[in-house]
Amino acid sequence: MRVTLLLFGPVREMVGQERIALELSAAADVSQLAAALTTKHPTLRAGASTLRFAIDSAFVDGRHVLADGDEIAVIPPVSGG
């Protein structure tokens, strides 16, 4: 299956793109997506455990099963004041 990732903040800066596509096995879940993302972009490994993923404006956990064509936001940790 093919999914599209929308990258934000430091993740976008580290990858050098706003949007990337990944090919995953059928019935892959978010944890497998995260592993594929860090394999393709090793610079993300150090902060991988802090990344959040959202589909259709809702956060999803690592067990969420993806569907072909999903558009997934990759959101780094944020802080503010």
N, C-alpha and C. Protein backbone atom coordinates (compact mmCIF):
# COMPACT_ATOMS: atom_id res chain seq x y z
N MET A 1 0.84 -1.17 0.00
CA MET A 1 0.00 0.00 0.00
C MET A 1 0.88 1.22 0.00
N ARG A 2 0.32 2.31 -0.46
CA ARG A 2 1.06 3.58 -0.53
C ARG A 2 0.34 4.61 0.34
N VAL A 3 1.12 5.28 1.21
CA VAL A 3 0.58 6.34 2.06
C VAL A 3 1.41 7.60 1.85
N THR A 4 0.81 8.73 2.16
CA THR A 4 1.50 10.01 2.06
C THR A 4 1.66 10.59 3.44
N LEU A 5 2.87 11.07 3.73
CA LEU A 5 3.16 11.68 5.01
C LEU A 5 3.30 13.19 4.83
N LEU A 6 2.63 13.95 5.67
CA LEU A 6 2.76 15.39 5.71
C LEU A 6 3.66 15.71 6.89
N LEU A 7 4.78 16.34 6.63
CA LEU A 7 5.80 16.56 7.65
C LEU A 7 5.75 17.99 8.17
N PHE A 8 5.92 18.14 9.48
CA PHE A 8 5.84 19.45 10.11
C PHE A 8 7.06 19.73 10.96
N GLY A 9 7.36 21.01 11.15
CA GLY A 9 8.41 21.47 12.05
C GLY A 9 9.76 20.87 11.76
N PRO A 10 10.46 20.46 12.83
CA PRO A 10 11.81 19.92 12.66
C PRO A 10 11.86 18.65 11.80
N VAL A 11 10.78 17.89 11.79
CA VAL A 11 10.76 16.68 10.94
C VAL A 11 10.88 17.10 9.48
N ARG A 12 10.13 18.11 9.08
CA ARG A 12 10.20 18.62 7.70
C ARG A 12 11.61 19.12 7.40
N GLU A 13 12.21 19.83 8.35
CA GLU A 13 13.55 20.35 8.14
C GLU A 13 14.58 19.23 8.01
N MET A 14 14.46 18.20 8.83
CA MET A 14 15.42 17.09 8.79
C MET A 14 15.31 16.28 7.51
N VAL A 15 14.09 16.10 7.02
CA VAL A 15 13.88 15.32 5.80
C VAL A 15 14.11 16.18 4.56
N GLY A 16 13.84 17.47 4.67
CA GLY A 16 14.05 18.37 3.54
C GLY A 16 12.88 18.44 2.58
N GLN A 17 11.71 17.93 3.02
CA GLN A 17 10.51 17.94 2.19
C GLN A 17 9.29 18.13 3.09
N GLU A 18 8.23 18.68 2.51
CA GLU A 18 6.98 18.84 3.24
C GLU A 18 6.11 17.60 3.19
N ARG A 19 6.30 16.79 2.16
CA ARG A 19 5.43 15.64 1.90
C ARG A 19 6.27 14.54 1.27
N ILE A 20 6.09 13.31 1.76
CA ILE A 20 6.76 12.16 1.15
C ILE A 20 5.76 11.01 1.06
N ALA A 21 6.04 10.09 0.17
CA ALA A 21 5.22 8.88 0.04
C ALA A 21 6.04 7.69 0.51
N LEU A 22 5.37 6.74 1.13
CA LEU A 22 6.01 5.50 1.55
C LEU A 22 5.19 4.31 1.07
N GLU A 23 5.88 3.27 0.68
CA GLU A 23 5.25 2.00 0.33
C GLU A 23 5.34 1.09 1.55
N LEU A 24 4.22 0.56 1.98
CA LEU A 24 4.16 -0.33 3.13
C LEU A 24 3.44 -1.61 2.75
N SER A 25 3.62 -2.64 3.56
CA SER A 25 2.90 -3.88 3.30
C SER A 25 1.42 -3.67 3.60
N ALA A 26 0.59 -4.50 3.01
CA ALA A 26 -0.85 -4.43 3.26
C ALA A 26 -1.10 -4.63 4.74
N ALA A 27 -2.06 -3.90 5.27
CA ALA A 27 -2.46 -3.98 6.68
C ALA A 27 -1.38 -3.51 7.64
N ALA A 28 -0.46 -2.67 7.18
CA ALA A 28 0.56 -2.11 8.07
C ALA A 28 -0.10 -1.18 9.08
N ASP A 29 0.51 -1.09 10.25
CA ASP A 29 -0.01 -0.17 11.25
C ASP A 29 0.95 1.01 11.43
N VAL A 30 0.60 1.92 12.32
CA VAL A 30 1.38 3.14 12.51
C VAL A 30 2.78 2.81 13.03
N SER A 31 2.92 1.80 13.86
CA SER A 31 4.26 1.45 14.35
C SER A 31 5.16 0.97 13.21
N GLN A 32 4.59 0.26 12.25
CA GLN A 32 5.36 -0.16 11.08
C GLN A 32 5.69 1.03 10.19
N LEU A 33 4.77 1.97 10.11
CA LEU A 33 5.02 3.21 9.37
C LEU A 33 6.19 3.96 10.00
N ALA A 34 6.19 4.09 11.32
CA ALA A 34 7.26 4.80 12.01
C ALA A 34 8.61 4.12 11.75
N ALA A 35 8.63 2.79 11.78
CA ALA A 35 9.87 2.05 11.51
C ALA A 35 10.35 2.29 10.08
N ALA A 36 9.43 2.29 9.12
CA ALA A 36 9.80 2.54 7.73
C ALA A 36 10.31 3.96 7.55
N LEU A 37 9.69 4.90 8.23
CA LEU A 37 10.10 6.30 8.13
C LEU A 37 11.52 6.49 8.66
N THR A 38 11.83 5.90 9.81
CA THR A 38 13.16 6.07 10.37
C THR A 38 14.22 5.26 9.62
N THR A 39 13.80 4.19 8.95
CA THR A 39 14.74 3.46 8.10
C THR A 39 15.10 4.30 6.88
N LYS A 40 14.11 4.93 6.30
CA LYS A 40 14.33 5.77 5.11
C LYS A 40 15.05 7.07 5.47
N HIS A 41 14.79 7.59 6.66
CA HIS A 41 15.39 8.86 7.10
C HIS A 41 16.00 8.66 8.49
N PRO A 42 17.21 8.08 8.55
CA PRO A 42 17.83 7.74 9.83
C PRO A 42 18.03 8.93 10.78
N THR A 43 18.07 10.14 10.26
CA THR A 43 18.23 11.31 11.14
C THR A 43 17.05 11.47 12.10
N LEU A 44 15.94 10.82 11.82
CA LEU A 44 14.75 10.91 12.68
C LEU A 44 14.77 9.90 13.82
N ARG A 45 15.70 8.97 13.80
CA ARG A 45 15.71 7.89 14.81
C ARG A 45 15.79 8.41 16.24
N ALA A 46 16.63 9.40 16.49
CA ALA A 46 16.84 9.88 17.86
C ALA A 46 15.55 10.36 18.51
N GLY A 47 14.69 11.01 17.74
CA GLY A 47 13.45 11.54 18.31
C GLY A 47 12.21 10.77 17.92
N ALA A 48 12.38 9.59 17.36
CA ALA A 48 11.23 8.84 16.83
C ALA A 48 10.16 8.55 17.88
N SER A 49 10.57 8.32 19.11
CA SER A 49 9.58 7.98 20.15
C SER A 49 8.71 9.17 20.54
N THR A 50 9.10 10.37 20.15
CA THR A 50 8.33 11.56 20.50
C THR A 50 7.39 12.01 19.38
N LEU A 51 7.48 11.37 18.23
CA LEU A 51 6.62 11.75 17.11
C LEU A 51 5.19 11.31 17.35
N ARG A 52 4.25 12.12 16.90
CA ARG A 52 2.83 11.77 16.95
C ARG A 52 2.33 11.69 15.51
N PHE A 53 1.31 10.88 15.30
CA PHE A 53 0.75 10.69 13.97
C PHE A 53 -0.75 10.97 14.02
N ALA A 54 -1.25 11.62 12.98
CA ALA A 54 -2.68 11.95 12.92
C ALA A 54 -3.22 11.63 11.54
N ILE A 55 -4.44 11.14 11.52
CA ILE A 55 -5.17 10.87 10.28
C ILE A 55 -6.52 11.53 10.41
N ASP A 56 -6.91 12.30 9.41
CA ASP A 56 -8.19 13.01 9.43
C ASP A 56 -8.34 13.85 10.71
N SER A 57 -7.28 14.57 11.05
CA SER A 57 -7.27 15.49 12.19
C SER A 57 -7.41 14.81 13.55
N ALA A 58 -7.22 13.50 13.62
CA ALA A 58 -7.30 12.78 14.88
C ALA A 58 -6.00 12.01 15.12
N PHE A 59 -5.45 12.16 16.33
CA PHE A 59 -4.25 11.40 16.67
C PHE A 59 -4.56 9.91 16.70
N VAL A 60 -3.59 9.12 16.23
CA VAL A 60 -3.73 7.66 16.22
C VAL A 60 -2.52 7.05 16.93
N ASP A 61 -2.71 5.88 17.52
CA ASP A 61 -1.59 5.22 18.20
C ASP A 61 -0.93 4.21 17.27
N GLY A 62 0.10 3.56 17.78
CA GLY A 62 0.89 2.64 16.97
C GLY A 62 0.16 1.43 16.45
N ARG A 63 -0.98 1.09 17.06
CA ARG A 63 -1.74 -0.09 16.62
C ARG A 63 -2.75 0.23 15.53
N HIS A 64 -2.93 1.51 15.22
CA HIS A 64 -3.92 1.90 14.20
C HIS A 64 -3.50 1.33 12.85
N VAL A 65 -4.38 0.57 12.22
CA VAL A 65 -4.10 -0.04 10.91
C VAL A 65 -4.37 0.98 9.83
N LEU A 66 -3.40 1.11 8.94
CA LEU A 66 -3.48 2.09 7.86
C LEU A 66 -4.21 1.51 6.65
N ALA A 67 -4.68 2.41 5.80
CA ALA A 67 -5.34 2.02 4.55
C ALA A 67 -4.58 2.63 3.38
N ASP A 68 -4.64 1.97 2.26
CA ASP A 68 -4.00 2.49 1.06
C ASP A 68 -4.54 3.90 0.78
N GLY A 69 -3.63 4.82 0.52
CA GLY A 69 -4.02 6.18 0.21
C GLY A 69 -4.15 7.11 1.40
N ASP A 70 -3.96 6.58 2.62
CA ASP A 70 -4.05 7.44 3.80
C ASP A 70 -3.06 8.59 3.70
N GLU A 71 -3.46 9.74 4.23
CA GLU A 71 -2.60 10.90 4.35
C GLU A 71 -2.39 11.11 5.85
N ILE A 72 -1.14 10.98 6.27
CA ILE A 72 -0.81 10.96 7.69
C ILE A 72 0.05 12.15 8.04
N ALA A 73 -0.37 12.92 9.03
CA ALA A 73 0.44 14.04 9.52
C ALA A 73 1.44 13.49 10.52
N VAL A 74 2.71 13.88 10.35
CA VAL A 74 3.77 13.51 11.28
C VAL A 74 4.09 14.76 12.09
N ILE A 75 3.78 14.70 13.37
CA ILE A 75 3.85 15.89 14.22
C ILE A 75 4.92 15.70 15.29
N PRO A 76 5.92 16.59 15.27
CA PRO A 76 6.95 16.51 16.30
C PRO A 76 6.42 17.07 17.61
N PRO A 77 7.14 16.83 18.71
CA PRO A 77 6.71 17.43 19.97
C PRO A 77 6.76 18.95 19.88
N VAL A 78 5.87 19.60 20.55
CA VAL A 78 5.86 21.07 20.52
C VAL A 78 5.92 21.58 21.96
N SER A 79 6.41 22.78 22.05
CA SER A 79 6.41 23.46 23.35
C SER A 79 5.99 24.89 23.10
N GLY A 80 5.55 25.51 24.11
CA GLY A 80 5.12 26.89 23.95
C GLY A 80 5.12 27.60 25.27
N GLY A 81 4.78 28.84 25.20
CA GLY A 81 4.81 29.59 26.44
C GLY A 81 3.68 30.57 26.50
